[in-house]
Protein backbone atom coordinates (compact mmCIF):
# COMPACT_ATOMS: atom_id res chain seq x y z
CA UNK A 1 40.14 -48.83 -29.54
CA UNK A 2 40.04 -45.76 -31.93
CA UNK A 3 43.14 -45.65 -33.43
CA UNK A 4 42.70 -42.73 -35.39
CA UNK A 5 41.37 -40.65 -32.36
CA UNK A 6 44.39 -42.11 -30.61
CA UNK A 7 46.90 -40.95 -33.20
CA UNK A 8 45.36 -37.59 -33.85
CA UNK A 9 45.37 -36.87 -29.67
CA UNK A 10 49.09 -38.16 -29.44
CA UNK A 11 50.03 -36.22 -32.26
CA UNK A 12 48.56 -32.90 -31.26
CA UNK A 13 49.73 -33.05 -27.96
CA UNK A 14 53.33 -33.57 -28.88
CA UNK A 15 53.36 -30.73 -31.12
CA UNK A 16 51.56 -28.72 -28.30
CA UNK A 17 55.10 -29.51 -26.21
CA UNK A 18 58.32 -27.71 -25.98
CA UNK A 19 61.57 -29.03 -25.05
CA UNK A 20 61.64 -26.92 -22.01
CA UNK A 21 58.38 -27.70 -21.00
CA UNK A 22 59.40 -31.47 -20.11
CA UNK A 23 63.16 -30.28 -19.05
CA UNK A 24 64.86 -31.07 -22.42
CA UNK A 25 67.57 -28.52 -23.92
CA UNK A 26 65.81 -26.76 -26.98
CA UNK A 27 69.20 -27.52 -28.83
CA UNK A 28 68.95 -26.59 -32.40
CA UNK A 29 66.41 -24.87 -34.39
CA UNK A 30 63.71 -27.18 -34.89
CA UNK A 31 61.87 -27.83 -38.57
CA UNK A 32 58.86 -28.82 -36.85
CA UNK A 33 56.75 -27.74 -34.10
CA UNK A 34 56.59 -29.30 -30.32
CA UNK A 35 58.55 -32.61 -29.50
CA UNK A 36 60.47 -35.03 -31.47
CA UNK A 37 58.91 -38.66 -31.70
CA UNK A 38 61.82 -39.96 -30.26
CA UNK A 39 61.74 -37.48 -27.45
CA UNK A 40 58.47 -38.61 -26.42
CA UNK A 41 59.44 -42.10 -26.65
CA UNK A 42 62.37 -42.06 -24.30
CA UNK A 43 60.03 -39.64 -21.89
CA UNK A 44 57.57 -43.01 -21.94
CA UNK A 45 59.99 -45.40 -21.65
CA UNK A 46 59.28 -47.04 -24.58
CA UNK A 47 60.91 -47.51 -28.16
CA UNK A 48 60.44 -45.03 -30.82
CA UNK A 49 59.42 -47.41 -32.93
CA UNK A 50 56.29 -48.45 -30.93
CA UNK A 51 55.32 -44.93 -30.46
CA UNK A 52 55.77 -44.11 -34.39
CA UNK A 53 53.15 -46.91 -35.24
CA UNK A 54 50.83 -45.49 -32.43
CA UNK A 55 51.02 -42.10 -34.29
CA UNK A 56 50.56 -43.78 -37.68
CA UNK A 57 47.46 -45.67 -36.44
CA UNK A 58 49.00 -49.08 -36.67
CA UNK A 59 50.15 -49.75 -33.47
CA UNK A 60 49.12 -52.68 -31.02
CA UNK A 61 46.52 -51.28 -28.10
CA UNK A 62 48.62 -50.00 -25.46
CA UNK A 63 48.24 -51.65 -22.00
CA UNK A 64 47.55 -49.50 -19.35
CA UNK A 65 51.00 -49.19 -18.19
CA UNK A 66 51.86 -47.55 -21.42
CA UNK A 67 48.67 -45.09 -21.39
CA UNK A 68 49.97 -44.23 -18.02
CA UNK A 69 53.61 -43.76 -19.27
CA UNK A 70 52.74 -41.73 -22.05
CA UNK A 71 49.98 -39.41 -20.14
CA UNK A 72 53.10 -38.38 -17.46
CA UNK A 73 55.33 -37.99 -21.13
CA UNK A 74 52.68 -35.46 -22.81
CA UNK A 75 52.07 -33.88 -19.44
CA UNK A 76 47.93 -34.57 -19.68
CA UNK A 77 45.65 -33.26 -17.00
CA UNK A 78 43.31 -35.86 -15.41
CA UNK A 79 40.39 -35.13 -17.81
CA UNK A 80 42.82 -35.32 -20.70
CA UNK A 81 44.62 -38.93 -19.17
CA UNK A 82 40.72 -40.21 -19.02
CA UNK A 83 40.33 -39.47 -22.47
CA UNK A 84 43.24 -40.85 -24.02
CA UNK A 85 42.33 -44.37 -21.75
CA UNK A 86 38.98 -44.29 -23.65
CA UNK A 87 39.98 -44.04 -27.19
CA UNK A 88 43.01 -46.88 -26.52
CA UNK A 89 40.03 -49.12 -25.25
CA UNK A 90 41.21 -49.32 -21.72
CA UNK A 91 39.38 -48.32 -18.60
CA UNK A 92 39.83 -44.94 -17.32
CA UNK A 93 41.40 -45.15 -13.72
CA UNK A 94 39.31 -43.63 -10.80
CA UNK A 95 40.00 -39.78 -10.43
CA UNK A 96 41.74 -40.38 -7.03
CA UNK A 97 43.78 -43.51 -6.69
CA UNK A 98 46.83 -42.14 -4.74
CA UNK A 99 49.69 -42.73 -7.68
CA UNK A 100 47.73 -43.38 -10.58
CA UNK A 101 48.48 -39.88 -12.20
CA UNK A 102 51.39 -37.64 -11.72
CA UNK A 103 50.32 -34.03 -10.77
CA UNK A 104 51.23 -31.78 -13.62
CA UNK A 105 52.05 -29.25 -11.85
CA UNK A 106 54.82 -31.06 -9.65
CA UNK A 107 56.57 -32.26 -12.88
CA UNK A 108 56.64 -28.99 -14.27
CA UNK A 109 58.56 -27.70 -11.10
CA UNK A 110 60.65 -31.16 -10.95
CA UNK A 111 61.37 -31.02 -15.18
CA UNK A 112 63.23 -27.40 -13.95
CA UNK A 113 65.18 -29.10 -10.91
CA UNK A 114 68.67 -30.86 -12.60
CA UNK A 115 71.60 -29.52 -9.88
CA UNK A 116 69.58 -31.43 -6.83
CA UNK A 117 67.65 -34.26 -5.79
CA UNK A 118 64.02 -34.03 -6.07
CA UNK A 119 61.37 -36.57 -6.36
CA UNK A 120 57.53 -36.62 -6.55
CA UNK A 121 56.14 -39.15 -4.15
CA UNK A 122 52.58 -40.59 -3.60
CA UNK A 123 50.69 -40.55 -0.39
CA UNK A 124 51.36 -44.02 -0.02
CA UNK A 125 55.16 -43.45 -0.34
CA UNK A 126 55.80 -44.92 -3.80
CA UNK A 127 58.13 -43.06 -6.08
CA UNK A 128 56.62 -41.76 -9.30
CA UNK A 129 59.10 -39.77 -10.53
CA UNK A 130 62.70 -39.08 -9.83
CA UNK A 131 65.52 -36.80 -11.17
CA UNK A 132 69.00 -38.07 -11.88
CA UNK A 133 70.25 -36.57 -8.67
CA UNK A 134 67.58 -38.20 -6.75
CA UNK A 135 68.58 -41.90 -8.33
CA UNK A 136 71.91 -41.08 -7.44
CA UNK A 137 71.45 -40.29 -3.53
CA UNK A 138 68.50 -42.49 -2.87
CA UNK A 139 68.92 -45.60 -5.43
CA UNK A 140 66.36 -46.46 -8.94
CA UNK A 141 63.11 -47.31 -7.19
CA UNK A 142 61.52 -47.77 -10.63
CA UNK A 143 61.70 -51.55 -10.70
CA UNK A 144 59.36 -52.44 -7.86
CA UNK A 145 56.07 -53.22 -8.30
CA UNK A 146 53.06 -54.24 -6.19
CA UNK A 147 52.80 -53.34 -2.61
CA UNK A 148 56.71 -53.09 -2.73
CA UNK A 149 56.49 -49.99 -4.75
CA UNK A 150 55.56 -48.38 -1.39
CA UNK A 151 58.72 -47.19 0.66
CA UNK A 152 56.26 -47.83 3.95
CA UNK A 153 56.03 -51.72 2.81
CA UNK A 154 59.62 -51.85 1.96
CA UNK A 155 60.74 -50.01 5.51
CA UNK A 156 58.91 -52.30 7.44
CA UNK A 157 59.28 -55.81 5.20
CA UNK A 158 62.53 -55.12 4.10
CA UNK A 159 64.81 -53.42 7.19
CA UNK A 160 68.28 -54.67 6.60
CA UNK A 161 68.18 -53.35 3.02
CA UNK A 162 65.59 -50.01 3.32
CA UNK A 163 67.00 -48.65 6.36
CA UNK A 164 70.36 -48.44 5.48
CA UNK A 165 69.84 -44.78 4.28
CA UNK A 166 69.59 -43.19 7.51
CA UNK A 167 71.11 -43.26 10.79
CA UNK A 168 70.64 -45.82 13.46
CA UNK A 169 69.18 -43.19 15.95
CA UNK A 170 66.74 -41.53 13.66
CA UNK A 171 65.18 -44.91 12.42
CA UNK A 172 62.37 -44.85 15.06
CA UNK A 173 61.45 -41.29 14.15
CA UNK A 174 61.25 -42.08 10.55
CA UNK A 175 58.93 -45.29 11.22
CA UNK A 176 56.44 -43.24 12.97
CA UNK A 177 56.79 -40.72 10.29
CA UNK A 178 55.80 -43.24 8.03
CA UNK A 179 52.83 -44.87 9.90
CA UNK A 180 51.51 -41.35 10.75
CA UNK A 181 51.59 -40.42 6.85
CA UNK A 182 49.98 -43.80 5.78
CA UNK A 183 47.31 -42.89 8.57
CA UNK A 184 46.72 -39.91 6.81
CA UNK A 185 46.11 -41.69 3.65
CA UNK A 186 44.08 -44.42 4.98
CA UNK A 187 41.51 -41.67 6.42
CA UNK A 188 41.03 -39.83 3.35
CA UNK A 189 41.22 -42.85 0.81
CA UNK A 190 39.30 -45.21 3.26
CA UNK A 191 39.73 -49.02 4.39
CA UNK A 192 39.02 -50.66 1.17
CA UNK A 193 41.39 -48.62 -0.83
CA UNK A 194 44.82 -49.08 -1.76
CA UNK A 195 46.07 -47.67 1.31
CA UNK A 196 43.65 -50.38 3.41
CA UNK A 197 45.31 -52.74 1.37
CA UNK A 198 48.59 -51.62 2.41
CA UNK A 199 47.64 -51.70 6.05
CA UNK A 200 46.09 -55.08 6.49
CA UNK A 201 49.30 -56.59 4.40
CA UNK A 202 51.99 -54.61 6.98
CA UNK A 203 49.77 -55.70 10.09
CA UNK A 204 50.46 -59.29 9.30
CA UNK A 205 53.80 -58.75 8.38
CA UNK A 206 55.15 -56.65 10.99
CA UNK A 207 54.51 -56.30 14.74
CA UNK A 208 56.29 -53.11 14.35
CA UNK A 209 54.28 -51.26 12.35
CA UNK A 210 51.21 -53.32 14.26
CA UNK A 211 52.51 -51.61 17.45
CA UNK A 212 52.75 -47.84 15.77
CA UNK A 213 49.49 -48.42 14.04
CA UNK A 214 47.85 -48.71 17.18
CA UNK A 215 48.96 -45.18 18.57
CA UNK A 216 46.80 -43.57 15.56
CA UNK A 217 49.22 -41.01 15.20
CA UNK A 218 48.14 -38.91 12.24
CA UNK A 219 50.41 -36.73 10.09
CA UNK A 220 51.72 -35.67 6.84
CA UNK A 221 55.51 -35.14 8.26
CA UNK A 222 58.79 -34.56 6.65
CA UNK A 223 61.59 -33.54 8.71
CA UNK A 224 63.23 -30.78 7.60
CA UNK A 225 66.67 -31.71 8.37
CA UNK A 226 67.61 -35.09 7.34
CA UNK A 227 71.20 -36.92 7.59
CA UNK A 228 71.04 -39.89 4.67
CA UNK A 229 74.31 -42.21 4.12
CA UNK A 230 75.36 -42.84 0.68
CA UNK A 231 77.08 -46.01 0.41
CA UNK A 232 80.05 -44.05 -1.13
CA UNK A 233 79.97 -40.62 -0.03
CA UNK A 234 78.95 -41.44 3.52
CA UNK A 235 76.56 -39.26 5.93
CA UNK A 236 75.42 -36.28 3.76
CA UNK A 237 72.97 -33.22 5.86
CA UNK A 238 70.52 -31.90 3.59
CA UNK A 239 67.47 -29.85 4.21
CA UNK A 240 64.06 -31.27 2.72
CA UNK A 241 61.28 -28.87 1.37
CA UNK A 242 57.81 -29.98 0.29
CA UNK A 243 55.32 -28.96 -2.24
CA UNK A 244 52.05 -30.83 -1.85
CA UNK A 245 49.12 -31.14 -4.30
CA UNK A 246 45.93 -29.29 -3.29
CA UNK A 247 44.44 -32.61 -1.95
CA UNK A 248 47.98 -33.73 -0.46
CA UNK A 249 47.66 -37.12 -2.46
CA UNK A 250 50.97 -36.14 -4.03
CA UNK A 251 54.59 -34.50 -3.22
CA UNK A 252 57.38 -33.23 -4.56
CA UNK A 253 60.68 -33.27 -2.11
CA UNK A 254 63.40 -31.55 -2.92
CA UNK A 255 67.07 -32.04 -1.34
CA UNK A 256 69.29 -29.03 -0.88
CA UNK A 257 72.01 -28.22 1.27
CA UNK A 258 73.20 -24.73 2.26
CA UNK A 259 76.04 -23.27 0.03
CA UNK A 260 79.72 -24.27 0.77
CA UNK A 261 78.76 -26.56 3.49
CA UNK A 262 80.29 -30.22 3.31
CA UNK A 263 76.67 -31.37 2.43
CA UNK A 264 76.57 -29.02 -0.71
CA UNK A 265 80.34 -30.10 -1.76
CA UNK A 266 79.04 -33.99 -1.45
CA UNK A 267 76.19 -33.01 -3.91
CA UNK A 268 78.27 -31.61 -6.28
CA UNK A 269 80.49 -34.53 -6.22
CA UNK A 270 77.12 -36.66 -6.29
CA UNK A 271 76.57 -34.92 -9.71
CA UNK A 272 79.55 -35.62 -11.19
CA UNK A 273 79.75 -39.27 -10.61
CA UNK A 274 76.35 -40.13 -10.54
CA UNK A 275 75.45 -44.16 -10.32
CA UNK A 276 79.32 -44.40 -10.70
CA UNK A 277 81.09 -46.51 -7.98
CA UNK A 278 84.35 -45.10 -6.64
CA UNK A 279 86.12 -44.70 -3.46
CA UNK A 280 86.48 -41.88 -1.28
């Protein structure tokens, strides 16, 4: 681990960012350029003291998970992320893993969306980043680990909980769309990849998945109109817009409703109450 190189790299990239670059309000005039240390620490889900020690060349060696969140917080490119791993004494992840690094271009768009649900998904159905509105609508998905990080895995192994978000008559279509998307990722990543691992696990765990997989349907499909069921607000009709990275490995999913529609009114209510429990 090269503490000096790591500290200088973090400081320079922190100073090069402006609050609006990461979706933060500019606030009062700043005495120093760039983000504050506490802002980077908050974005990277770590303590300010921990981050400060890294910049002061006296911190412990960061874990791969810590480096991943730092790279995301500082909006690093793929090459910059690989360098960060190397100076921290860690092996840089492979260039293409499906979810190792959130595309900076998608993050820049997500940073500017705060009044409607938006999230970035990997091609394996993993929620990489979600804004406050998406968490209020869909729930916090950040606590899952292993294969359960994939909504495809949860859909077929924990249907009682995972499928409550969708009307019952829409669930068969959703099952086929998820498997078709996984088939597309499998074709790109190969049988020895994480996509292959996910397929093999689901073939053993779910006869339903195995049956749909055998249809060999391939597509990256997102229905352009959805009805999602919120536990307090009930059904919400939403339009779905998607933006893919060039290699199709990540997707920005934005959910909106027409102005003055019932769905629009429910989104406004959702923005006010957030995660609070209430009665309707």
